[in-house]
């Protein structure tokens, strides 16, 4: 786990050390969760000293840049991220619910017929 103990501060700024949990994000289904956990751990710790950090979304910003092939050492992070969710297919959801109800009703009917 990345924490405040893995960061040294030099005249040039912070340096992250000891990355034993570095993973290939393209080949690990948990990479996003691991990144989010680690970044949020750091945000919580450093937020004690600068509460404005507690409202940032660095993990989401970093992951989005990675997914779009735009993450590189020259990127300046802002801590701001605007989530864009796809529209909900409400009709499709309702169809699934109705189908599940029909399947359950048929199952209950079969059970009732067996009891008779």
PDB file of N, CA and C in Angstrom:
ATOM      1  N   UNK A   1       0.840  -1.190   0.000  1.00  0.00           N
ATOM      2  CA  UNK A   1       0.000   0.000   0.000  1.00  0.00           C
ATOM      3  C   UNK A   1       0.877   1.242   0.000  1.00  0.00           C
ATOM      4  N   UNK A   2       0.544   2.160  -0.873  1.00  0.00           N
ATOM      5  CA  UNK A   2       1.258   3.428  -0.909  1.00  0.00           C
ATOM      6  C   UNK A   2       0.748   4.294   0.231  1.00  0.00           C
ATOM      7  N   UNK A   3       1.669   4.852   1.000  1.00  0.00           N
ATOM      8  CA  UNK A   3       1.277   5.709   2.114  1.00  0.00           C
ATOM      9  C   UNK A   3       2.300   6.827   2.255  1.00  0.00           C
ATOM     10  N   UNK A   4       2.080   7.667   3.250  1.00  0.00           N
ATOM     11  CA  UNK A   4       2.997   8.780   3.497  1.00  0.00           C
ATOM     12  C   UNK A   4       4.410   8.297   3.805  1.00  0.00           C
ATOM     13  N   UNK A   5       4.564   7.050   4.233  1.00  0.00           N
ATOM     14  CA  UNK A   5       5.883   6.508   4.558  1.00  0.00           C
ATOM     15  C   UNK A   5       6.685   6.158   3.311  1.00  0.00           C
ATOM     16  N   UNK A   6       6.049   6.180   2.156  1.00  0.00           N
ATOM     17  CA  UNK A   6       6.728   5.882   0.897  1.00  0.00           C
ATOM     18  C   UNK A   6       7.111   7.149   0.136  1.00  0.00           C
ATOM     19  N   UNK A   7       7.059   8.292   0.808  1.00  0.00           N
ATOM     20  CA  UNK A   7       7.336   9.554   0.130  1.00  0.00           C
ATOM     21  C   UNK A   7       8.444  10.300   0.857  1.00  0.00           C
ATOM     22  N   UNK A   8       9.460  10.685   0.102  1.00  0.00           N
ATOM     23  CA  UNK A   8      10.527  11.532   0.626  1.00  0.00           C
ATOM     24  C   UNK A   8      10.371  12.902  -0.008  1.00  0.00           C
ATOM     25  N   UNK A   9      10.663  13.930   0.752  1.00  0.00           N
ATOM     26  CA  UNK A   9      10.556  15.283   0.216  1.00  0.00           C
ATOM     27  C   UNK A   9      11.959  15.838   0.053  1.00  0.00           C
ATOM     28  N   UNK A  10      12.266  16.263  -1.172  1.00  0.00           N
ATOM     29  CA  UNK A  10      13.566  16.863  -1.463  1.00  0.00           C
ATOM     30  C   UNK A  10      13.346  18.306  -1.889  1.00  0.00           C
ATOM     31  N   UNK A  11      14.425  18.990  -2.193  1.00  0.00           N
ATOM     32  CA  UNK A  11      14.324  20.380  -2.642  1.00  0.00           C
ATOM     33  C   UNK A  11      13.543  20.476  -3.949  1.00  0.00           C
ATOM     34  N   UNK A  12      13.552  19.394  -4.734  1.00  0.00           N
ATOM     35  CA  UNK A  12      12.842  19.379  -6.014  1.00  0.00           C
ATOM     36  C   UNK A  12      11.392  18.946  -5.880  1.00  0.00           C
ATOM     37  N   UNK A  13      10.981  18.571  -4.680  1.00  0.00           N
ATOM     38  CA  UNK A  13       9.608  18.132  -4.468  1.00  0.00           C
ATOM     39  C   UNK A  13       9.562  16.707  -3.956  1.00  0.00           C
ATOM     40  N   UNK A  14       8.363  16.144  -3.863  1.00  0.00           N
ATOM     41  CA  UNK A  14       8.223  14.789  -3.323  1.00  0.00           C
ATOM     42  C   UNK A  14       8.711  13.718  -4.298  1.00  0.00           C
ATOM     43  N   UNK A  15       9.258  12.646  -3.718  1.00  0.00           N
ATOM     44  CA  UNK A  15       9.726  11.504  -4.495  1.00  0.00           C
ATOM     45  C   UNK A  15       9.114  10.252  -3.876  1.00  0.00           C
ATOM     46  N   UNK A  16       8.403   9.486  -4.688  1.00  0.00           N
ATOM     47  CA  UNK A  16       7.797   8.245  -4.206  1.00  0.00           C
ATOM     48  C   UNK A  16       8.842   7.143  -4.276  1.00  0.00           C
ATOM     49  N   UNK A  17       8.992   6.428  -3.165  1.00  0.00           N
ATOM     50  CA  UNK A  17       9.951   5.324  -3.101  1.00  0.00           C
ATOM     51  C   UNK A  17       9.203   4.037  -2.768  1.00  0.00           C
ATOM     52  N   UNK A  18       9.855   2.916  -2.954  1.00  0.00           N
ATOM     53  CA  UNK A  18       9.328   1.621  -2.538  1.00  0.00           C
ATOM     54  C   UNK A  18       7.969   1.336  -3.159  1.00  0.00           C
ATOM     55  N   UNK A  19       7.986   0.927  -4.403  1.00  0.00           N
ATOM     56  CA  UNK A  19       6.745   0.586  -5.096  1.00  0.00           C
ATOM     57  C   UNK A  19       6.640  -0.925  -5.303  1.00  0.00           C
ATOM     58  N   UNK A  20       6.561  -1.710  -4.224  1.00  0.00           N
ATOM     59  CA  UNK A  20       6.510  -3.158  -4.400  1.00  0.00           C
ATOM     60  C   UNK A  20       5.217  -3.636  -5.037  1.00  0.00           C
ATOM     61  N   UNK A  21       4.206  -2.798  -5.021  1.00  0.00           N
ATOM     62  CA  UNK A  21       2.904  -3.213  -5.514  1.00  0.00           C
ATOM     63  C   UNK A  21       2.627  -2.645  -6.904  1.00  0.00           C
ATOM     64  N   UNK A  22       3.675  -2.211  -7.587  1.00  0.00           N
ATOM     65  CA  UNK A  22       3.478  -1.696  -8.930  1.00  0.00           C
ATOM     66  C   UNK A  22       2.903  -2.810  -9.799  1.00  0.00           C
ATOM     67  N   UNK A  23       1.846  -2.505 -10.524  1.00  0.00           N
ATOM     68  CA  UNK A  23       1.174  -3.515 -11.342  1.00  0.00           C
ATOM     69  C   UNK A  23       1.026  -3.019 -12.772  1.00  0.00           C
ATOM     70  N   UNK A  24       0.866  -3.960 -13.660  1.00  0.00           N
ATOM     71  CA  UNK A  24       0.558  -3.641 -15.047  1.00  0.00           C
ATOM     72  C   UNK A  24      -0.944  -3.386 -15.115  1.00  0.00           C
ATOM     73  N   UNK A  25      -1.325  -2.135 -15.238  1.00  0.00           N
ATOM     74  CA  UNK A  25      -2.746  -1.774 -15.209  1.00  0.00           C
ATOM     75  C   UNK A  25      -3.526  -2.445 -16.331  1.00  0.00           C
ATOM     76  N   UNK A  26      -2.881  -2.683 -17.458  1.00  0.00           N
ATOM     77  CA  UNK A  26      -3.584  -3.311 -18.577  1.00  0.00           C
ATOM     78  C   UNK A  26      -3.883  -4.780 -18.301  1.00  0.00           C
ATOM     79  N   UNK A  27      -3.133  -5.397 -17.393  1.00  0.00           N
ATOM     80  CA  UNK A  27      -3.314  -6.817 -17.149  1.00  0.00           C
ATOM     81  C   UNK A  27      -3.843  -7.156 -15.768  1.00  0.00           C
ATOM     82  N   UNK A  28      -4.303  -6.164 -15.029  1.00  0.00           N
ATOM     83  CA  UNK A  28      -4.775  -6.420 -13.667  1.00  0.00           C
ATOM     84  C   UNK A  28      -6.141  -5.778 -13.470  1.00  0.00           C
ATOM     85  N   UNK A  29      -7.152  -6.601 -13.251  1.00  0.00           N
ATOM     86  CA  UNK A  29      -8.520  -6.092 -13.087  1.00  0.00           C
ATOM     87  C   UNK A  29      -8.699  -5.234 -11.845  1.00  0.00           C
ATOM     88  N   UNK A  30      -7.761  -5.313 -10.912  1.00  0.00           N
ATOM     89  CA  UNK A  30      -7.878  -4.560  -9.663  1.00  0.00           C
ATOM     90  C   UNK A  30      -7.030  -3.287  -9.666  1.00  0.00           C
ATOM     91  N   UNK A  31      -6.375  -2.999 -10.779  1.00  0.00           N
ATOM     92  CA  UNK A  31      -5.451  -1.866 -10.833  1.00  0.00           C
ATOM     93  C   UNK A  31      -6.134  -0.547 -10.480  1.00  0.00           C
ATOM     94  N   UNK A  32      -7.310  -0.303 -11.016  1.00  0.00           N
ATOM     95  CA  UNK A  32      -8.001   0.960 -10.731  1.00  0.00           C
ATOM     96  C   UNK A  32      -8.329   1.064  -9.245  1.00  0.00           C
ATOM     97  N   UNK A  33      -8.819  -0.026  -8.659  1.00  0.00           N
ATOM     98  CA  UNK A  33      -9.151  -0.012  -7.230  1.00  0.00           C
ATOM     99  C   UNK A  33      -7.908   0.216  -6.376  1.00  0.00           C
ATOM    100  N   UNK A  34      -6.795  -0.407  -6.769  1.00  0.00           N
ATOM    101  CA  UNK A  34      -5.550  -0.250  -6.014  1.00  0.00           C
ATOM    102  C   UNK A  34      -5.055   1.188  -6.100  1.00  0.00           C
ATOM    103  N   UNK A  35      -5.091   1.766  -7.299  1.00  0.00           N
ATOM    104  CA  UNK A  35      -4.673   3.157  -7.469  1.00  0.00           C
ATOM    105  C   UNK A  35      -5.558   4.080  -6.643  1.00  0.00           C
ATOM    106  N   UNK A  36      -6.860   3.875  -6.731  1.00  0.00           N
ATOM    107  CA  UNK A  36      -7.803   4.719  -5.993  1.00  0.00           C
ATOM    108  C   UNK A  36      -7.545   4.629  -4.495  1.00  0.00           C
ATOM    109  N   UNK A  37      -7.360   3.414  -3.988  1.00  0.00           N
ATOM    110  CA  UNK A  37      -7.088   3.239  -2.555  1.00  0.00           C
ATOM    111  C   UNK A  37      -5.827   3.989  -2.142  1.00  0.00           C
ATOM    112  N   UNK A  38      -4.745   3.809  -2.913  1.00  0.00           N
ATOM    113  CA  UNK A  38      -3.477   4.433  -2.556  1.00  0.00           C
ATOM    114  C   UNK A  38      -3.543   5.954  -2.629  1.00  0.00           C
ATOM    115  N   UNK A  39      -4.132   6.474  -3.692  1.00  0.00           N
ATOM    116  CA  UNK A  39      -4.239   7.931  -3.828  1.00  0.00           C
ATOM    117  C   UNK A  39      -5.137   8.496  -2.732  1.00  0.00           C
ATOM    118  N   UNK A  40      -6.226   7.808  -2.434  1.00  0.00           N
ATOM    119  CA  UNK A  40      -7.113   8.288  -1.369  1.00  0.00           C
ATOM    120  C   UNK A  40      -6.438   8.225  -0.002  1.00  0.00           C
ATOM    121  N   UNK A  41      -5.580   7.215   0.232  1.00  0.00           N
ATOM    122  CA  UNK A  41      -4.806   7.169   1.478  1.00  0.00           C
ATOM    123  C   UNK A  41      -3.931   8.406   1.613  1.00  0.00           C
ATOM    124  N   UNK A  42      -3.246   8.754   0.530  1.00  0.00           N
ATOM    125  CA  UNK A  42      -2.380   9.937   0.561  1.00  0.00           C
ATOM    126  C   UNK A  42      -3.195  11.214   0.717  1.00  0.00           C
ATOM    127  N   UNK A  43      -4.323  11.284   0.033  1.00  0.00           N
ATOM    128  CA  UNK A  43      -5.188  12.460   0.133  1.00  0.00           C
ATOM    129  C   UNK A  43      -5.665  12.651   1.568  1.00  0.00           C
ATOM    130  N   UNK A  44      -6.063  11.568   2.202  1.00  0.00           N
ATOM    131  CA  UNK A  44      -6.532  11.646   3.588  1.00  0.00           C
ATOM    132  C   UNK A  44      -5.414  12.108   4.512  1.00  0.00           C
ATOM    133  N   UNK A  45      -4.224  11.545   4.333  1.00  0.00           N
ATOM    134  CA  UNK A  45      -3.102  11.927   5.198  1.00  0.00           C
ATOM    135  C   UNK A  45      -2.735  13.397   4.997  1.00  0.00           C
ATOM    136  N   UNK A  46      -2.461  13.788   3.756  1.00  0.00           N
ATOM    137  CA  UNK A  46      -2.014  15.158   3.506  1.00  0.00           C
ATOM    138  C   UNK A  46      -3.144  16.166   3.690  1.00  0.00           C
ATOM    139  N   UNK A  47      -4.383  15.698   3.616  1.00  0.00           N
ATOM    140  CA  UNK A  47      -5.527  16.566   3.874  1.00  0.00           C
ATOM    141  C   UNK A  47      -5.571  17.074   5.303  1.00  0.00           C
ATOM    142  N   UNK A  48      -4.869  16.395   6.209  1.00  0.00           N
ATOM    143  CA  UNK A  48      -4.765  16.886   7.586  1.00  0.00           C
ATOM    144  C   UNK A  48      -4.044  18.228   7.634  1.00  0.00           C
ATOM    145  N   UNK A  49      -3.127  18.430   6.701  1.00  0.00           N
ATOM    146  CA  UNK A  49      -2.310  19.638   6.675  1.00  0.00           C
ATOM    147  C   UNK A  49      -2.843  20.676   5.700  1.00  0.00           C
ATOM    148  N   UNK A  50      -3.582  20.214   4.703  1.00  0.00           N
ATOM    149  CA  UNK A  50      -4.208  21.111   3.727  1.00  0.00           C
ATOM    150  C   UNK A  50      -5.595  20.554   3.414  1.00  0.00           C
ATOM    151  N   UNK A  51      -6.611  20.957   4.189  1.00  0.00           N
ATOM    152  CA  UNK A  51      -7.962  20.404   4.031  1.00  0.00           C
ATOM    153  C   UNK A  51      -8.537  20.529   2.621  1.00  0.00           C
ATOM    154  N   UNK A  52      -8.042  21.464   1.825  1.00  0.00           N
ATOM    155  CA  UNK A  52      -8.542  21.603   0.453  1.00  0.00           C
ATOM    156  C   UNK A  52      -8.283  20.332  -0.357  1.00  0.00           C
ATOM    157  N   UNK A  53      -7.266  19.570   0.010  1.00  0.00           N
ATOM    158  CA  UNK A  53      -6.971  18.323  -0.702  1.00  0.00           C
ATOM    159  C   UNK A  53      -8.090  17.305  -0.565  1.00  0.00           C
ATOM    160  N   UNK A  54      -8.850  17.397   0.507  1.00  0.00           N
ATOM    161  CA  UNK A  54      -9.891  16.403   0.779  1.00  0.00           C
ATOM    162  C   UNK A  54     -11.030  16.437  -0.236  1.00  0.00           C
ATOM    163  N   UNK A  55     -11.128  17.504  -1.001  1.00  0.00           N
ATOM    164  CA  UNK A  55     -12.193  17.605  -2.010  1.00  0.00           C
ATOM    165  C   UNK A  55     -11.682  17.324  -3.425  1.00  0.00           C
ATOM    166  N   UNK A  56     -10.424  16.910  -3.544  1.00  0.00           N
ATOM    167  CA  UNK A  56      -9.856  16.641  -4.867  1.00  0.00           C
ATOM    168  C   UNK A  56     -10.196  15.231  -5.335  1.00  0.00           C
ATOM    169  N   UNK A  57     -10.006  15.016  -6.620  1.00  0.00           N
ATOM    170  CA  UNK A  57     -10.298  13.714  -7.231  1.00  0.00           C
ATOM    171  C   UNK A  57      -9.108  13.267  -8.083  1.00  0.00           C
ATOM    172  N   UNK A  58      -7.939  13.222  -7.453  1.00  0.00           N
ATOM    173  CA  UNK A  58      -6.738  12.854  -8.195  1.00  0.00           C
ATOM    174  C   UNK A  58      -6.802  11.437  -8.758  1.00  0.00           C
ATOM    175  N   UNK A  59      -7.316  10.495  -8.004  1.00  0.00           N
ATOM    176  CA  UNK A  59      -7.358   9.106  -8.487  1.00  0.00           C
ATOM    177  C   UNK A  59      -8.177   9.004  -9.766  1.00  0.00           C
ATOM    178  N   UNK A  60      -9.342   9.614  -9.768  1.00  0.00           N
ATOM    179  CA  UNK A  60     -10.202   9.572 -10.951  1.00  0.00           C
ATOM    180  C   UNK A  60      -9.546  10.279 -12.132  1.00  0.00           C
ATOM    181  N   UNK A  61      -8.890  11.411 -11.849  1.00  0.00           N
ATOM    182  CA  UNK A  61      -8.215  12.160 -12.910  1.00  0.00           C
ATOM    183  C   UNK A  61      -7.074  11.337 -13.510  1.00  0.00           C
ATOM    184  N   UNK A  62      -6.254  10.738 -12.651  1.00  0.00           N
ATOM    185  CA  UNK A  62      -5.124   9.934 -13.125  1.00  0.00           C
ATOM    186  C   UNK A  62      -5.622   8.752 -13.950  1.00  0.00           C
ATOM    187  N   UNK A  63      -6.642   8.052 -13.454  1.00  0.00           N
ATOM    188  CA  UNK A  63      -7.137   6.874 -14.177  1.00  0.00           C
ATOM    189  C   UNK A  63      -7.727   7.269 -15.527  1.00  0.00           C
ATOM    190  N   UNK A  64      -8.435   8.367 -15.580  1.00  0.00           N
ATOM    191  CA  UNK A  64      -9.009   8.821 -16.847  1.00  0.00           C
ATOM    192  C   UNK A  64      -7.906   9.164 -17.848  1.00  0.00           C
ATOM    193  N   UNK A  65      -6.877   9.851 -17.388  1.00  0.00           N
ATOM    194  CA  UNK A  65      -5.750  10.165 -18.272  1.00  0.00           C
ATOM    195  C   UNK A  65      -5.097   8.879 -18.779  1.00  0.00           C
ATOM    196  N   UNK A  66      -4.935   7.909 -17.889  1.00  0.00           N
ATOM    197  CA  UNK A  66      -4.351   6.619 -18.281  1.00  0.00           C
ATOM    198  C   UNK A  66      -5.216   5.942 -19.346  1.00  0.00           C
ATOM    199  N   UNK A  67      -6.520   5.867 -19.091  1.00  0.00           N
ATOM    200  CA  UNK A  67      -7.425   5.192 -20.032  1.00  0.00           C
ATOM    201  C   UNK A  67      -7.409   5.833 -21.410  1.00  0.00           C
ATOM    202  N   UNK A  68      -7.202   7.138 -21.457  1.00  0.00           N
ATOM    203  CA  UNK A  68      -7.206   7.844 -22.740  1.00  0.00           C
ATOM    204  C   UNK A  68      -5.807   7.980 -23.341  1.00  0.00           C
ATOM    205  N   UNK A  69      -4.805   7.315 -22.728  1.00  0.00           N
ATOM    206  CA  UNK A  69      -3.442   7.354 -23.252  1.00  0.00           C
ATOM    207  C   UNK A  69      -2.781   8.705 -23.103  1.00  0.00           C
ATOM    208  N   UNK A  70      -3.241   9.505 -22.154  1.00  0.00           N
ATOM    209  CA  UNK A  70      -2.724  10.863 -21.989  1.00  0.00           C
ATOM    210  C   UNK A  70      -1.896  11.042 -20.722  1.00  0.00           C
ATOM    211  N   UNK A  71      -1.667   9.972 -19.975  1.00  0.00           N
ATOM    212  CA  UNK A  71      -0.903  10.069 -18.734  1.00  0.00           C
ATOM    213  C   UNK A  71       0.578   9.968 -19.051  1.00  0.00           C
ATOM    214  N   UNK A  72       1.325  10.993 -18.713  1.00  0.00           N
ATOM    215  CA  UNK A  72       2.766  10.996 -18.915  1.00  0.00           C
ATOM    216  C   UNK A  72       3.399  11.904 -17.862  1.00  0.00           C
ATOM    217  N   UNK A  73       4.715  11.839 -17.687  1.00  0.00           N
ATOM    218  CA  UNK A  73       5.374  12.617 -16.628  1.00  0.00           C
ATOM    219  C   UNK A  73       5.209  14.131 -16.757  1.00  0.00           C
ATOM    220  N   UNK A  74       4.873  14.616 -17.944  1.00  0.00           N
ATOM    221  CA  UNK A  74       4.739  16.062 -18.130  1.00  0.00           C
ATOM    222  C   UNK A  74       3.339  16.588 -17.835  1.00  0.00           C
ATOM    223  N   UNK A  75       2.394  15.700 -17.554  1.00  0.00           N
ATOM    224  CA  UNK A  75       1.019  16.116 -17.271  1.00  0.00           C
ATOM    225  C   UNK A  75       0.973  16.808 -15.913  1.00  0.00           C
ATOM    226  N   UNK A  76       0.310  17.948 -15.870  1.00  0.00           N
ATOM    227  CA  UNK A  76       0.075  18.640 -14.604  1.00  0.00           C
ATOM    228  C   UNK A  76      -1.308  18.251 -14.113  1.00  0.00           C
ATOM    229  N   UNK A  77      -1.344  17.590 -12.963  1.00  0.00           N
ATOM    230  CA  UNK A  77      -2.624  17.165 -12.399  1.00  0.00           C
ATOM    231  C   UNK A  77      -3.302  18.339 -11.711  1.00  0.00           C
ATOM    232  N   UNK A  78      -4.620  18.347 -11.770  1.00  0.00           N
ATOM    233  CA  UNK A  78      -5.395  19.434 -11.169  1.00  0.00           C
ATOM    234  C   UNK A  78      -6.188  18.984  -9.948  1.00  0.00           C
ATOM    235  N   UNK A  79      -6.446  17.693  -9.859  1.00  0.00           N
ATOM    236  CA  UNK A  79      -7.299  17.187  -8.782  1.00  0.00           C
ATOM    237  C   UNK A  79      -8.774  17.307  -9.111  1.00  0.00           C
ATOM    238  N   UNK A  80      -9.072  17.802 -10.301  1.00  0.00           N
ATOM    239  CA  UNK A  80     -10.466  17.958 -10.728  1.00  0.00           C
ATOM    240  C   UNK A  80     -10.791  16.887 -11.764  1.00  0.00           C
ATOM    241  N   UNK A  81     -11.982  16.355 -11.652  1.00  0.00           N
ATOM    242  CA  UNK A  81     -12.423  15.332 -12.596  1.00  0.00           C
ATOM    243  C   UNK A  81     -13.925  15.439 -12.741  1.00  0.00           C
ATOM    244  N   UNK A  82     -14.385  15.440 -13.966  1.00  0.00           N
ATOM    245  CA  UNK A  82     -15.817  15.493 -14.222  1.00  0.00           C
ATOM    246  C   UNK A  82     -16.250  14.153 -14.795  1.00  0.00           C
ATOM    247  N   UNK A  83     -17.038  13.455 -14.039  1.00  0.00           N
ATOM    248  CA  UNK A  83     -17.496  12.131 -14.444  1.00  0.00           C
ATOM    249  C   UNK A  83     -18.569  12.251 -15.518  1.00  0.00           C
ATOM    250  N   UNK A  84     -18.440  11.424 -16.530  1.00  0.00           N
ATOM    251  CA  UNK A  84     -19.475  11.363 -17.559  1.00  0.00           C
ATOM    252  C   UNK A  84     -20.011   9.940 -17.577  1.00  0.00           C
ATOM    253  N   UNK A  85     -21.218   9.792 -17.115  1.00  0.00           N
ATOM    254  CA  UNK A  85     -21.847   8.478 -17.074  1.00  0.00           C
ATOM    255  C   UNK A  85     -22.713   8.286 -18.313  1.00  0.00           C
ATOM    256  N   UNK A  86     -22.736   7.064 -18.838  1.00  0.00           N
ATOM    257  CA  UNK A  86     -23.601   6.816 -19.995  1.00  0.00           C
ATOM    258  C   UNK A  86     -25.064   6.915 -19.570  1.00  0.00           C
ATOM    259  N   UNK A  87     -25.949   7.218 -20.508  1.00  0.00           N
ATOM    260  CA  UNK A  87     -27.371   7.297 -20.158  1.00  0.00           C
ATOM    261  C   UNK A  87     -27.892   5.932 -19.710  1.00  0.00           C
ATOM    262  N   UNK A  88     -28.840   5.968 -18.808  1.00  0.00           N
ATOM    263  CA  UNK A  88     -29.438   4.734 -18.291  1.00  0.00           C
ATOM    264  C   UNK A  88     -30.487   4.236 -19.278  1.00  0.00           C
ATOM    265  N   UNK A  89     -30.438   2.948 -19.584  1.00  0.00           N
ATOM    266  CA  UNK A  89     -31.440   2.319 -20.444  1.00  0.00           C
ATOM    267  C   UNK A  89     -32.565   1.825 -19.542  1.00  0.00           C
ATOM    268  N   UNK A  90     -33.439   2.738 -19.138  1.00  0.00           N
ATOM    269  CA  UNK A  90     -34.506   2.407 -18.199  1.00  0.00           C
ATOM    270  C   UNK A  90     -35.455   1.359 -18.770  1.00  0.00           C
ATOM    271  N   UNK A  91     -35.763   1.464 -20.047  1.00  0.00           N
ATOM    272  CA  UNK A  91     -36.648   0.466 -20.663  1.00  0.00           C
ATOM    273  C   UNK A  91     -36.023  -0.924 -20.601  1.00  0.00           C
ATOM    274  N   UNK A  92     -34.740  -1.011 -20.852  1.00  0.00           N
ATOM    275  CA  UNK A  92     -34.040  -2.294 -20.777  1.00  0.00           C
ATOM    276  C   UNK A  92     -34.038  -2.852 -19.364  1.00  0.00           C
ATOM    277  N   UNK A  93     -33.822  -1.984 -18.379  1.00  0.00           N
ATOM    278  CA  UNK A  93     -33.846  -2.416 -16.980  1.00  0.00           C
ATOM    279  C   UNK A  93     -35.230  -2.938 -16.620  1.00  0.00           C
ATOM    280  N   UNK A  94     -36.260  -2.222 -17.019  1.00  0.00           N
ATOM    281  CA  UNK A  94     -37.633  -2.643 -16.713  1.00  0.00           C
ATOM    282  C   UNK A  94     -37.970  -3.967 -17.401  1.00  0.00           C
ATOM    283  N   UNK A  95     -37.472  -4.171 -18.638  1.00  0.00           N
ATOM    284  CA  UNK A  95     -37.682  -5.453 -19.331  1.00  0.00           C
ATOM    285  C   UNK A  95     -37.048  -6.596 -18.542  1.00  0.00           C
ATOM    286  N   UNK A  96     -35.839  -6.372 -18.043  1.00  0.00           N
ATOM    287  CA  UNK A  96     -35.152  -7.400 -17.251  1.00  0.00           C
ATOM    288  C   UNK A  96     -35.941  -7.724 -15.990  1.00  0.00           C
ATOM    289  N   UNK A  97     -36.457  -6.700 -15.329  1.00  0.00           N
ATOM    290  CA  UNK A  97     -37.254  -6.911 -14.113  1.00  0.00           C
ATOM    291  C   UNK A  97     -38.520  -7.691 -14.438  1.00  0.00           C
ATOM    292  N   UNK A  98     -39.210  -7.282 -15.499  1.00  0.00           N
ATOM    293  CA  UNK A  98     -40.438  -7.988 -15.898  1.00  0.00           C
ATOM    294  C   UNK A  98     -40.153  -9.441 -16.260  1.00  0.00           C
ATOM    295  N   UNK A  99     -39.058  -9.675 -16.993  1.00  0.00           N
ATOM    296  CA  UNK A  99     -38.689 -11.048 -17.353  1.00  0.00           C
ATOM    297  C   UNK A  99     -38.414 -11.881 -16.103  1.00  0.00           C
ATOM    298  N   UNK A 100     -37.709 -11.301 -15.147  1.00  0.00           N
ATOM    299  CA  UNK A 100     -37.406 -12.024 -13.904  1.00  0.00           C
ATOM    300  C   UNK A 100     -38.682 -12.333 -13.135  1.00  0.00           C
ATOM    301  N   UNK A 101     -39.627 -11.404 -13.141  1.00  0.00           N
ATOM    302  CA  UNK A 101     -40.914 -11.648 -12.471  1.00  0.00           C
ATOM    303  C   UNK A 101     -41.668 -12.802 -13.133  1.00  0.00           C
ATOM    304  N   UNK A 102     -41.660 -12.824 -14.461  1.00  0.00           N
ATOM    305  CA  UNK A 102     -42.344 -13.902 -15.183  1.00  0.00           C
ATOM    306  C   UNK A 102     -41.705 -15.257 -14.893  1.00  0.00           C
ATOM    307  N   UNK A 103     -40.393 -15.294 -14.879  1.00  0.00           N
ATOM    308  CA  UNK A 103     -39.688 -16.545 -14.588  1.00  0.00           C
ATOM    309  C   UNK A 103     -40.027 -17.015 -13.178  1.00  0.00           C
ATOM    310  N   UNK A 104     -40.033 -16.105 -12.223  1.00  0.00           N
ATOM    311  CA  UNK A 104     -40.357 -16.465 -10.836  1.00  0.00           C
ATOM    312  C   UNK A 104     -41.808 -16.911 -10.705  1.00  0.00           C
ATOM    313  N   UNK A 105     -42.723 -16.237 -11.383  1.00  0.00           N
ATOM    314  CA  UNK A 105     -44.138 -16.633 -11.336  1.00  0.00           C
ATOM    315  C   UNK A 105     -44.314 -18.041 -11.905  1.00  0.00           C
ATOM    316  N   UNK A 106     -43.624 -18.339 -12.990  1.00  0.00           N
ATOM    317  CA  UNK A 106     -43.709 -19.673 -13.590  1.00  0.00           C
ATOM    318  C   UNK A 106     -43.126 -20.721 -12.643  1.00  0.00           C
ATOM    319  N   UNK A 107     -42.048 -20.389 -11.974  1.00  0.00           N
ATOM    320  CA  UNK A 107     -41.440 -21.320 -11.020  1.00  0.00           C
ATOM    321  C   UNK A 107     -42.397 -21.599  -9.868  1.00  0.00           C
ATOM    322  N   UNK A 108     -43.000 -20.551  -9.335  1.00  0.00           N
ATOM    323  CA  UNK A 108     -43.944 -20.722  -8.228  1.00  0.00           C
ATOM    324  C   UNK A 108     -45.165 -21.532  -8.654  1.00  0.00           C
ATOM    325  N   UNK A 109     -45.633 -21.322  -9.877  1.00  0.00           N
ATOM    326  CA  UNK A 109     -46.770 -22.084 -10.396  1.00  0.00           C
ATOM    327  C   UNK A 109     -46.425 -23.571 -10.486  1.00  0.00           C
ATOM    328  N   UNK A 110     -45.229 -23.884 -10.983  1.00  0.00           N
ATOM    329  CA  UNK A 110     -44.793 -25.283 -11.064  1.00  0.00           C
ATOM    330  C   UNK A 110     -44.722 -25.910  -9.671  1.00  0.00           C
ATOM    331  N   UNK A 111     -44.196 -25.168  -8.703  1.00  0.00           N
ATOM    332  CA  UNK A 111     -44.131 -25.683  -7.330  1.00  0.00           C
ATOM    333  C   UNK A 111     -45.524 -25.930  -6.763  1.00  0.00           C
ATOM    334  N   UNK A 112     -46.436 -25.022  -7.054  1.00  0.00           N
ATOM    335  CA  UNK A 112     -47.814 -25.168  -6.568  1.00  0.00           C
ATOM    336  C   UNK A 112     -48.467 -26.400  -7.192  1.00  0.00           C
ATOM    337  N   UNK A 113     -48.228 -26.615  -8.487  1.00  0.00           N
ATOM    338  CA  UNK A 113     -48.801 -27.775  -9.174  1.00  0.00           C
ATOM    339  C   UNK A 113     -48.240 -29.078  -8.621  1.00  0.00           C
ATOM    340  N   UNK A 114     -46.973 -29.069  -8.209  1.00  0.00           N
ATOM    341  CA  UNK A 114     -46.368 -30.270  -7.628  1.00  0.00           C
ATOM    342  C   UNK A 114     -46.979 -30.599  -6.271  1.00  0.00           C
ATOM    343  N   UNK A 115     -47.364 -29.573  -5.531  1.00  0.00           N
ATOM    344  CA  UNK A 115     -47.957 -29.773  -4.207  1.00  0.00           C
ATOM    345  C   UNK A 115     -49.387 -30.298  -4.288  1.00  0.00           C
ATOM    346  N   UNK A 116     -50.057 -30.116  -5.399  1.00  0.00           N
ATOM    347  CA  UNK A 116     -51.471 -30.526  -5.528  1.00  0.00           C
ATOM    348  C   UNK A 116     -51.631 -31.967  -5.837  1.00  0.00           C
TER     349      UNK A 116
END
